[in-house]
PDB file of N, CA and C in Angstrom:
ATOM      1  N   UNK A   1       0.844  -1.161   0.000  1.00  0.00           N
ATOM      2  CA  UNK A   1       0.000   0.000   0.000  1.00  0.00           C
ATOM      3  C   UNK A   1       0.897   1.234   0.000  1.00  0.00           C
ATOM      4  N   UNK A   2       0.520   2.201  -0.834  1.00  0.00           N
ATOM      5  CA  UNK A   2       1.338   3.400  -0.949  1.00  0.00           C
ATOM      6  C   UNK A   2       0.489   4.668  -0.913  1.00  0.00           C
ATOM      7  N   UNK A   3       1.121   5.730  -0.461  1.00  0.00           N
ATOM      8  CA  UNK A   3       0.510   7.058  -0.444  1.00  0.00           C
ATOM      9  C   UNK A   3       1.538   8.023  -1.021  1.00  0.00           C
ATOM     10  N   UNK A   4       1.199   8.649  -2.130  1.00  0.00           N
ATOM     11  CA  UNK A   4       2.124   9.561  -2.816  1.00  0.00           C
ATOM     12  C   UNK A   4       3.437   8.860  -3.142  1.00  0.00           C
ATOM     13  N   UNK A   5       3.331   7.572  -3.507  1.00  0.00           N
ATOM     14  CA  UNK A   5       4.500   6.798  -3.909  1.00  0.00           C
ATOM     15  C   UNK A   5       5.317   6.199  -2.778  1.00  0.00           C
ATOM     16  N   UNK A   6       4.951   6.480  -1.544  1.00  0.00           N
ATOM     17  CA  UNK A   6       5.694   5.964  -0.389  1.00  0.00           C
ATOM     18  C   UNK A   6       4.886   4.878   0.312  1.00  0.00           C
ATOM     19  N   UNK A   7       5.573   3.848   0.841  1.00  0.00           N
ATOM     20  CA  UNK A   7       4.850   2.803   1.585  1.00  0.00           C
ATOM     21  C   UNK A   7       4.168   3.367   2.832  1.00  0.00           C
ATOM     22  N   UNK A   8       3.008   2.800   3.167  1.00  0.00           N
ATOM     23  CA  UNK A   8       2.280   3.203   4.366  1.00  0.00           C
ATOM     24  C   UNK A   8       2.444   2.093   5.407  1.00  0.00           C
ATOM     25  N   UNK A   9       2.799   2.465   6.606  1.00  0.00           N
ATOM     26  CA  UNK A   9       3.013   1.512   7.695  1.00  0.00           C
ATOM     27  C   UNK A   9       1.946   1.695   8.778  1.00  0.00           C
ATOM     28  N   UNK A  10       1.816   0.700   9.632  1.00  0.00           N
ATOM     29  CA  UNK A  10       0.947   0.738  10.812  1.00  0.00           C
ATOM     30  C   UNK A  10      -0.541   0.802  10.479  1.00  0.00           C
ATOM     31  N   UNK A  11      -0.930   0.132   9.400  1.00  0.00           N
ATOM     32  CA  UNK A  11      -2.353   0.036   9.079  1.00  0.00           C
ATOM     33  C   UNK A  11      -3.010  -0.818  10.149  1.00  0.00           C
ATOM     34  N   UNK A  12      -4.162  -0.389  10.643  1.00  0.00           N
ATOM     35  CA  UNK A  12      -4.802  -1.059  11.775  1.00  0.00           C
ATOM     36  C   UNK A  12      -6.165  -1.600  11.380  1.00  0.00           C
ATOM     37  N   UNK A  13      -7.205  -0.925  11.690  1.00  0.00           N
ATOM     38  CA  UNK A  13      -8.582  -1.360  11.419  1.00  0.00           C
ATOM     39  C   UNK A  13      -8.889  -1.237   9.930  1.00  0.00           C
ATOM     40  N   UNK A  14      -9.501  -2.280   9.338  1.00  0.00           N
ATOM     41  CA  UNK A  14      -9.879  -2.258   7.921  1.00  0.00           C
ATOM     42  C   UNK A  14     -11.381  -2.447   7.773  1.00  0.00           C
ATOM     43  N   UNK A  15     -11.961  -1.754   6.803  1.00  0.00           N
ATOM     44  CA  UNK A  15     -13.387  -1.919   6.510  1.00  0.00           C
ATOM     45  C   UNK A  15     -13.581  -1.726   5.009  1.00  0.00           C
ATOM     46  N   UNK A  16     -14.439  -2.552   4.415  1.00  0.00           N
ATOM     47  CA  UNK A  16     -14.772  -2.446   2.993  1.00  0.00           C
ATOM     48  C   UNK A  16     -15.996  -1.557   2.855  1.00  0.00           C
ATOM     49  N   UNK A  17     -15.845  -0.411   2.162  1.00  0.00           N
ATOM     50  CA  UNK A  17     -16.958   0.529   1.995  1.00  0.00           C
ATOM     51  C   UNK A  17     -17.005   0.993   0.545  1.00  0.00           C
ATOM     52  N   UNK A  18     -18.103   0.676  -0.114  1.00  0.00           N
ATOM     53  CA  UNK A  18     -18.341   1.133  -1.490  1.00  0.00           C
ATOM     54  C   UNK A  18     -17.149   0.876  -2.420  1.00  0.00           C
ATOM     55  N   UNK A  19     -16.597  -0.318  -2.361  1.00  0.00           N
ATOM     56  CA  UNK A  19     -15.529  -0.691  -3.288  1.00  0.00           C
ATOM     57  C   UNK A  19     -14.145  -0.212  -2.926  1.00  0.00           C
ATOM     58  N   UNK A  20     -14.013   0.385  -1.765  1.00  0.00           N
ATOM     59  CA  UNK A  20     -12.698   0.835  -1.288  1.00  0.00           C
ATOM     60  C   UNK A  20     -12.409   0.210   0.074  1.00  0.00           C
ATOM     61  N   UNK A  21     -11.139   0.107   0.365  1.00  0.00           N
ATOM     62  CA  UNK A  21     -10.723  -0.300   1.705  1.00  0.00           C
ATOM     63  C   UNK A  21     -10.500   0.969   2.515  1.00  0.00           C
ATOM     64  N   UNK A  22     -11.137   1.022   3.661  1.00  0.00           N
ATOM     65  CA  UNK A  22     -10.891   2.112   4.605  1.00  0.00           C
ATOM     66  C   UNK A  22      -9.993   1.543   5.694  1.00  0.00           C
ATOM     67  N   UNK A  23      -8.938   2.246   6.017  1.00  0.00           N
ATOM     68  CA  UNK A  23      -7.993   1.750   7.022  1.00  0.00           C
ATOM     69  C   UNK A  23      -7.484   2.900   7.862  1.00  0.00           C
ATOM     70  N   UNK A  24      -7.488   2.692   9.181  1.00  0.00           N
ATOM     71  CA  UNK A  24      -6.886   3.744   9.984  1.00  0.00           C
ATOM     72  C   UNK A  24      -5.416   3.425  10.196  1.00  0.00           C
ATOM     73  N   UNK A  25      -4.640   4.481  10.406  1.00  0.00           N
ATOM     74  CA  UNK A  25      -3.207   4.360  10.638  1.00  0.00           C
ATOM     75  C   UNK A  25      -3.003   4.411  12.144  1.00  0.00           C
ATOM     76  N   UNK A  26      -2.477   3.319  12.693  1.00  0.00           N
ATOM     77  CA  UNK A  26      -2.319   3.185  14.133  1.00  0.00           C
ATOM     78  C   UNK A  26      -1.574   4.377  14.726  1.00  0.00           C
ATOM     79  N   UNK A  27      -2.048   4.851  15.848  1.00  0.00           N
ATOM     80  CA  UNK A  27      -1.560   5.991  16.637  1.00  0.00           C
ATOM     81  C   UNK A  27      -1.855   7.343  15.995  1.00  0.00           C
ATOM     82  N   UNK A  28      -2.696   7.364  14.947  1.00  0.00           N
ATOM     83  CA  UNK A  28      -3.080   8.645  14.345  1.00  0.00           C
ATOM     84  C   UNK A  28      -4.602   8.732  14.304  1.00  0.00           C
ATOM     85  N   UNK A  29      -5.107   9.874  13.909  1.00  0.00           N
ATOM     86  CA  UNK A  29      -6.537  10.069  13.694  1.00  0.00           C
ATOM     87  C   UNK A  29      -6.849  10.103  12.205  1.00  0.00           C
ATOM     88  N   UNK A  30      -6.037   9.397  11.412  1.00  0.00           N
ATOM     89  CA  UNK A  30      -6.216   9.365   9.972  1.00  0.00           C
ATOM     90  C   UNK A  30      -6.862   8.064   9.521  1.00  0.00           C
ATOM     91  N   UNK A  31      -7.760   8.185   8.552  1.00  0.00           N
ATOM     92  CA  UNK A  31      -8.326   7.029   7.870  1.00  0.00           C
ATOM     93  C   UNK A  31      -7.958   7.178   6.398  1.00  0.00           C
ATOM     94  N   UNK A  32      -7.375   6.116   5.830  1.00  0.00           N
ATOM     95  CA  UNK A  32      -6.991   6.107   4.425  1.00  0.00           C
ATOM     96  C   UNK A  32      -8.064   5.415   3.605  1.00  0.00           C
ATOM     97  N   UNK A  33      -8.350   5.939   2.432  1.00  0.00           N
ATOM     98  CA  UNK A  33      -9.266   5.310   1.480  1.00  0.00           C
ATOM     99  C   UNK A  33      -8.401   4.745   0.370  1.00  0.00           C
ATOM    100  N   UNK A  34      -8.434   3.414   0.235  1.00  0.00           N
ATOM    101  CA  UNK A  34      -7.468   2.703  -0.591  1.00  0.00           C
ATOM    102  C   UNK A  34      -8.154   1.990  -1.743  1.00  0.00           C
ATOM    103  N   UNK A  35      -7.572   2.089  -2.928  1.00  0.00           N
ATOM    104  CA  UNK A  35      -8.040   1.336  -4.090  1.00  0.00           C
ATOM    105  C   UNK A  35      -7.561  -0.101  -3.906  1.00  0.00           C
ATOM    106  N   UNK A  36      -8.473  -1.069  -3.790  1.00  0.00           N
ATOM    107  CA  UNK A  36      -8.048  -2.444  -3.522  1.00  0.00           C
ATOM    108  C   UNK A  36      -7.305  -3.091  -4.691  1.00  0.00           C
ATOM    109  N   UNK A  37      -7.516  -2.603  -5.897  1.00  0.00           N
ATOM    110  CA  UNK A  37      -6.844  -3.183  -7.058  1.00  0.00           C
ATOM    111  C   UNK A  37      -5.376  -2.774  -7.147  1.00  0.00           C
ATOM    112  N   UNK A  38      -5.076  -1.559  -6.689  1.00  0.00           N
ATOM    113  CA  UNK A  38      -3.713  -1.036  -6.835  1.00  0.00           C
ATOM    114  C   UNK A  38      -2.975  -0.878  -5.512  1.00  0.00           C
ATOM    115  N   UNK A  39      -3.726  -0.780  -4.397  1.00  0.00           N
ATOM    116  CA  UNK A  39      -3.105  -0.514  -3.108  1.00  0.00           C
ATOM    117  C   UNK A  39      -2.729   0.943  -2.919  1.00  0.00           C
ATOM    118  N   UNK A  40      -3.173   1.797  -3.824  1.00  0.00           N
ATOM    119  CA  UNK A  40      -2.845   3.219  -3.755  1.00  0.00           C
ATOM    120  C   UNK A  40      -3.889   3.950  -2.920  1.00  0.00           C
ATOM    121  N   UNK A  41      -3.426   4.821  -2.028  1.00  0.00           N
ATOM    122  CA  UNK A  41      -4.312   5.654  -1.214  1.00  0.00           C
ATOM    123  C   UNK A  41      -4.907   6.732  -2.107  1.00  0.00           C
ATOM    124  N   UNK A  42      -6.234   6.745  -2.179  1.00  0.00           N
ATOM    125  CA  UNK A  42      -6.946   7.720  -3.012  1.00  0.00           C
ATOM    126  C   UNK A  42      -7.459   8.910  -2.220  1.00  0.00           C
ATOM    127  N   UNK A  43      -7.520   8.770  -0.899  1.00  0.00           N
ATOM    128  CA  UNK A  43      -8.011   9.859  -0.070  1.00  0.00           C
ATOM    129  C   UNK A  43      -7.620   9.643   1.373  1.00  0.00           C
ATOM    130  N   UNK A  44      -7.610  10.722   2.117  1.00  0.00           N
ATOM    131  CA  UNK A  44      -7.271  10.685   3.539  1.00  0.00           C
ATOM    132  C   UNK A  44      -8.318  11.477   4.300  1.00  0.00           C
ATOM    133  N   UNK A  45      -8.906  10.842   5.301  1.00  0.00           N
ATOM    134  CA  UNK A  45      -9.849  11.520   6.188  1.00  0.00           C
ATOM    135  C   UNK A  45      -9.131  11.801   7.496  1.00  0.00           C
ATOM    136  N   UNK A  46      -9.024  13.075   7.847  1.00  0.00           N
ATOM    137  CA  UNK A  46      -8.371  13.476   9.094  1.00  0.00           C
ATOM    138  C   UNK A  46      -9.457  13.697  10.147  1.00  0.00           C
ATOM    139  N   UNK A  47      -9.514  12.808  11.130  1.00  0.00           N
ATOM    140  CA  UNK A  47     -10.536  12.896  12.171  1.00  0.00           C
ATOM    141  C   UNK A  47     -10.003  13.517  13.461  1.00  0.00           C
ATOM    142  N   UNK A  48      -8.934  14.283  13.347  1.00  0.00           N
ATOM    143  CA  UNK A  48      -8.373  14.963  14.522  1.00  0.00           C
ATOM    144  C   UNK A  48      -9.442  15.803  15.194  1.00  0.00           C
ATOM    145  N   UNK A  49      -9.501  15.725  16.495  1.00  0.00           N
ATOM    146  CA  UNK A  49     -10.443  16.521  17.261  1.00  0.00           C
ATOM    147  C   UNK A  49     -11.839  15.939  17.331  1.00  0.00           C
ATOM    148  N   UNK A  50     -12.052  14.767  16.732  1.00  0.00           N
ATOM    149  CA  UNK A  50     -13.385  14.170  16.771  1.00  0.00           C
ATOM    150  C   UNK A  50     -13.829  13.922  18.215  1.00  0.00           C
ATOM    151  N   UNK A  51     -12.962  13.310  19.007  1.00  0.00           N
ATOM    152  CA  UNK A  51     -13.254  13.132  20.430  1.00  0.00           C
ATOM    153  C   UNK A  51     -12.687  14.342  21.169  1.00  0.00           C
ATOM    154  N   UNK A  52     -13.539  15.176  21.743  1.00  0.00           N
ATOM    155  CA  UNK A  52     -13.057  16.392  22.414  1.00  0.00           C
ATOM    156  C   UNK A  52     -12.106  16.074  23.573  1.00  0.00           C
ATOM    157  N   UNK A  53     -11.167  16.961  23.798  1.00  0.00           N
ATOM    158  CA  UNK A  53     -10.187  16.775  24.877  1.00  0.00           C
ATOM    159  C   UNK A  53     -10.851  16.552  26.229  1.00  0.00           C
ATOM    160  N   UNK A  54     -11.973  17.231  26.479  1.00  0.00           N
ATOM    161  CA  UNK A  54     -12.633  17.093  27.784  1.00  0.00           C
ATOM    162  C   UNK A  54     -13.242  15.698  27.988  1.00  0.00           C
ATOM    163  N   UNK A  55     -13.346  14.905  26.925  1.00  0.00           N
ATOM    164  CA  UNK A  55     -13.879  13.546  27.049  1.00  0.00           C
ATOM    165  C   UNK A  55     -12.774  12.485  27.060  1.00  0.00           C
ATOM    166  N   UNK A  56     -11.548  12.929  27.050  1.00  0.00           N
ATOM    167  CA  UNK A  56     -10.408  12.009  27.117  1.00  0.00           C
ATOM    168  C   UNK A  56      -9.997  11.816  28.572  1.00  0.00           C
ATOM    169  N   UNK A  57      -9.632  10.582  28.892  1.00  0.00           N
ATOM    170  CA  UNK A  57      -9.155  10.238  30.232  1.00  0.00           C
ATOM    171  C   UNK A  57      -7.810   9.547  30.089  1.00  0.00           C
ATOM    172  N   UNK A  58      -7.137   9.233  31.200  1.00  0.00           N
ATOM    173  CA  UNK A  58      -5.865   8.510  31.091  1.00  0.00           C
ATOM    174  C   UNK A  58      -5.987   7.154  30.380  1.00  0.00           C
ATOM    175  N   UNK A  59      -7.179   6.556  30.358  1.00  0.00           N
ATOM    176  CA  UNK A  59      -7.332   5.256  29.694  1.00  0.00           C
ATOM    177  C   UNK A  59      -7.806   5.370  28.240  1.00  0.00           C
ATOM    178  N   UNK A  60      -8.112   6.587  27.785  1.00  0.00           N
ATOM    179  CA  UNK A  60      -8.542   6.783  26.406  1.00  0.00           C
ATOM    180  C   UNK A  60      -7.358   6.534  25.485  1.00  0.00           C
ATOM    181  N   UNK A  61      -7.595   5.747  24.442  1.00  0.00           N
ATOM    182  CA  UNK A  61      -6.515   5.390  23.528  1.00  0.00           C
ATOM    183  C   UNK A  61      -6.854   5.872  22.120  1.00  0.00           C
ATOM    184  N   UNK A  62      -6.288   5.241  21.135  1.00  0.00           N
ATOM    185  CA  UNK A  62      -6.320   5.705  19.752  1.00  0.00           C
ATOM    186  C   UNK A  62      -7.608   5.378  19.011  1.00  0.00           C
ATOM    187  N   UNK A  63      -7.856   6.137  17.949  1.00  0.00           N
ATOM    188  CA  UNK A  63      -8.912   5.833  16.990  1.00  0.00           C
ATOM    189  C   UNK A  63      -8.599   4.465  16.400  1.00  0.00           C
ATOM    190  N   UNK A  64      -9.568   3.549  16.404  1.00  0.00           N
ATOM    191  CA  UNK A  64      -9.281   2.242  15.799  1.00  0.00           C
ATOM    192  C   UNK A  64     -10.512   1.452  15.399  1.00  0.00           C
ATOM    193  N   UNK A  65     -11.673   2.044  15.359  1.00  0.00           N
ATOM    194  CA  UNK A  65     -12.865   1.299  14.987  1.00  0.00           C
ATOM    195  C   UNK A  65     -13.579   1.951  13.828  1.00  0.00           C
ATOM    196  N   UNK A  66     -13.804   1.174  12.757  1.00  0.00           N
ATOM    197  CA  UNK A  66     -14.559   1.649  11.603  1.00  0.00           C
ATOM    198  C   UNK A  66     -15.653   0.621  11.342  1.00  0.00           C
ATOM    199  N   UNK A  67     -16.886   1.070  11.195  1.00  0.00           N
ATOM    200  CA  UNK A  67     -17.995   0.161  10.891  1.00  0.00           C
ATOM    201  C   UNK A  67     -18.872   0.780   9.815  1.00  0.00           C
ATOM    202  N   UNK A  68     -19.416  -0.081   8.962  1.00  0.00           N
ATOM    203  CA  UNK A  68     -20.241   0.377   7.851  1.00  0.00           C
ATOM    204  C   UNK A  68     -21.563  -0.374   7.855  1.00  0.00           C
ATOM    205  N   UNK A  69     -22.647   0.358   7.764  1.00  0.00           N
ATOM    206  CA  UNK A  69     -23.975  -0.226   7.646  1.00  0.00           C
ATOM    207  C   UNK A  69     -24.376  -0.120   6.176  1.00  0.00           C
ATOM    208  N   UNK A  70     -24.192  -1.212   5.430  1.00  0.00           N
ATOM    209  CA  UNK A  70     -24.459  -1.204   3.991  1.00  0.00           C
ATOM    210  C   UNK A  70     -25.921  -0.924   3.673  1.00  0.00           C
ATOM    211  N   UNK A  71     -26.825  -1.308   4.556  1.00  0.00           N
ATOM    212  CA  UNK A  71     -28.254  -1.095   4.312  1.00  0.00           C
ATOM    213  C   UNK A  71     -28.617   0.389   4.291  1.00  0.00           C
ATOM    214  N   UNK A  72     -27.940   1.185   5.101  1.00  0.00           N
ATOM    215  CA  UNK A  72     -28.265   2.608   5.192  1.00  0.00           C
ATOM    216  C   UNK A  72     -27.158   3.520   4.642  1.00  0.00           C
ATOM    217  N   UNK A  73     -25.959   2.957   4.435  1.00  0.00           N
ATOM    218  CA  UNK A  73     -24.827   3.759   3.984  1.00  0.00           C
ATOM    219  C   UNK A  73     -24.158   4.549   5.090  1.00  0.00           C
ATOM    220  N   UNK A  74     -24.548   4.284   6.320  1.00  0.00           N
ATOM    221  CA  UNK A  74     -23.967   5.035   7.446  1.00  0.00           C
ATOM    222  C   UNK A  74     -22.595   4.463   7.823  1.00  0.00           C
ATOM    223  N   UNK A  75     -21.696   5.364   8.232  1.00  0.00           N
ATOM    224  CA  UNK A  75     -20.340   4.997   8.625  1.00  0.00           C
ATOM    225  C   UNK A  75     -20.130   5.457  10.063  1.00  0.00           C
ATOM    226  N   UNK A  76     -19.570   4.560  10.869  1.00  0.00           N
ATOM    227  CA  UNK A  76     -19.334   4.840  12.284  1.00  0.00           C
ATOM    228  C   UNK A  76     -17.859   4.639  12.610  1.00  0.00           C
ATOM    229  N   UNK A  77     -17.347   5.439  13.543  1.00  0.00           N
ATOM    230  CA  UNK A  77     -15.974   5.281  14.030  1.00  0.00           C
ATOM    231  C   UNK A  77     -15.964   5.426  15.541  1.00  0.00           C
ATOM    232  N   UNK A  78     -14.951   4.835  16.147  1.00  0.00           N
ATOM    233  CA  UNK A  78     -14.725   4.972  17.582  1.00  0.00           C
ATOM    234  C   UNK A  78     -13.258   4.668  17.848  1.00  0.00           C
ATOM    235  N   UNK A  79     -12.896   4.637  19.107  1.00  0.00           N
ATOM    236  CA  UNK A  79     -11.526   4.338  19.485  1.00  0.00           C
ATOM    237  C   UNK A  79     -11.487   3.465  20.722  1.00  0.00           C
ATOM    238  N   UNK A  80     -10.306   3.015  21.066  1.00  0.00           N
ATOM    239  CA  UNK A  80     -10.141   2.184  22.265  1.00  0.00           C
ATOM    240  C   UNK A  80     -10.490   3.007  23.504  1.00  0.00           C
ATOM    241  N   UNK A  81     -11.427   2.485  24.262  1.00  0.00           N
ATOM    242  CA  UNK A  81     -11.886   3.129  25.503  1.00  0.00           C
ATOM    243  C   UNK A  81     -12.509   4.508  25.278  1.00  0.00           C
ATOM    244  N   UNK A  82     -13.014   4.757  24.075  1.00  0.00           N
ATOM    245  CA  UNK A  82     -13.731   6.001  23.831  1.00  0.00           C
ATOM    246  C   UNK A  82     -15.130   5.867  24.409  1.00  0.00           C
ATOM    247  N   UNK A  83     -15.681   6.941  24.979  1.00  0.00           N
ATOM    248  CA  UNK A  83     -17.014   6.860  25.572  1.00  0.00           C
ATOM    249  C   UNK A  83     -18.144   6.972  24.548  1.00  0.00           C
ATOM    250  N   UNK A  84     -17.795   7.185  23.272  1.00  0.00           N
ATOM    251  CA  UNK A  84     -18.821   7.416  22.262  1.00  0.00           C
ATOM    252  C   UNK A  84     -18.482   6.704  20.956  1.00  0.00           C
ATOM    253  N   UNK A  85     -19.534   6.483  20.191  1.00  0.00           N
ATOM    254  CA  UNK A  85     -19.448   6.020  18.814  1.00  0.00           C
ATOM    255  C   UNK A  85     -19.916   7.190  17.961  1.00  0.00           C
ATOM    256  N   UNK A  86     -19.179   7.520  16.901  1.00  0.00           N
ATOM    257  CA  UNK A  86     -19.515   8.668  16.068  1.00  0.00           C
ATOM    258  C   UNK A  86     -19.967   8.219  14.693  1.00  0.00           C
ATOM    259  N   UNK A  87     -21.037   8.817  14.187  1.00  0.00           N
ATOM    260  CA  UNK A  87     -21.417   8.622  12.797  1.00  0.00           C
ATOM    261  C   UNK A  87     -20.753   9.740  12.014  1.00  0.00           C
ATOM    262  N   UNK A  88     -20.054   9.366  10.918  1.00  0.00           N
ATOM    263  CA  UNK A  88     -19.358  10.373  10.125  1.00  0.00           C
ATOM    264  C   UNK A  88     -19.846  10.358   8.690  1.00  0.00           C
ATOM    265  N   UNK A  89     -19.606  11.470   8.018  1.00  0.00           N
ATOM    266  CA  UNK A  89     -19.848  11.604   6.596  1.00  0.00           C
ATOM    267  C   UNK A  89     -18.672  12.376   6.035  1.00  0.00           C
ATOM    268  N   UNK A  90     -18.046  11.833   4.999  1.00  0.00           N
ATOM    269  CA  UNK A  90     -16.894  12.518   4.412  1.00  0.00           C
ATOM    270  C   UNK A  90     -17.353  13.582   3.439  1.00  0.00           C
ATOM    271  N   UNK A  91     -16.708  14.733   3.523  1.00  0.00           N
ATOM    272  CA  UNK A  91     -16.976  15.848   2.629  1.00  0.00           C
ATOM    273  C   UNK A  91     -15.661  16.173   1.929  1.00  0.00           C
ATOM    274  N   UNK A  92     -15.666  16.126   0.608  1.00  0.00           N
ATOM    275  CA  UNK A  92     -14.440  16.374  -0.140  1.00  0.00           C
ATOM    276  C   UNK A  92     -14.047  17.833  -0.035  1.00  0.00           C
ATOM    277  N   UNK A  93     -12.740  18.058   0.187  1.00  0.00           N
ATOM    278  CA  UNK A  93     -12.218  19.421   0.245  1.00  0.00           C
ATOM    279  C   UNK A  93     -11.529  19.775  -1.051  1.00  0.00           C
TER     280      UNK A  93
END
């Protein structure tokens, strides 16, 4: 798997959504959208700040959960020991 021609390391949670692989990069708040045929990253979702600082505790860990409801098209994310599950929608910049 590559991003801008460079190998990507520490891929963690994977989910198949609309013909792409979604994968978060361990220890970051980034989700990569990957073309499964080529392994090339086609997009990056930066979820920094999704979990507010006031909701973080010493046991709160990294973003690492991606779930897709194919029946409704809804996408959910969470993290280790996060107190919430978030529904997200990507908006192209």
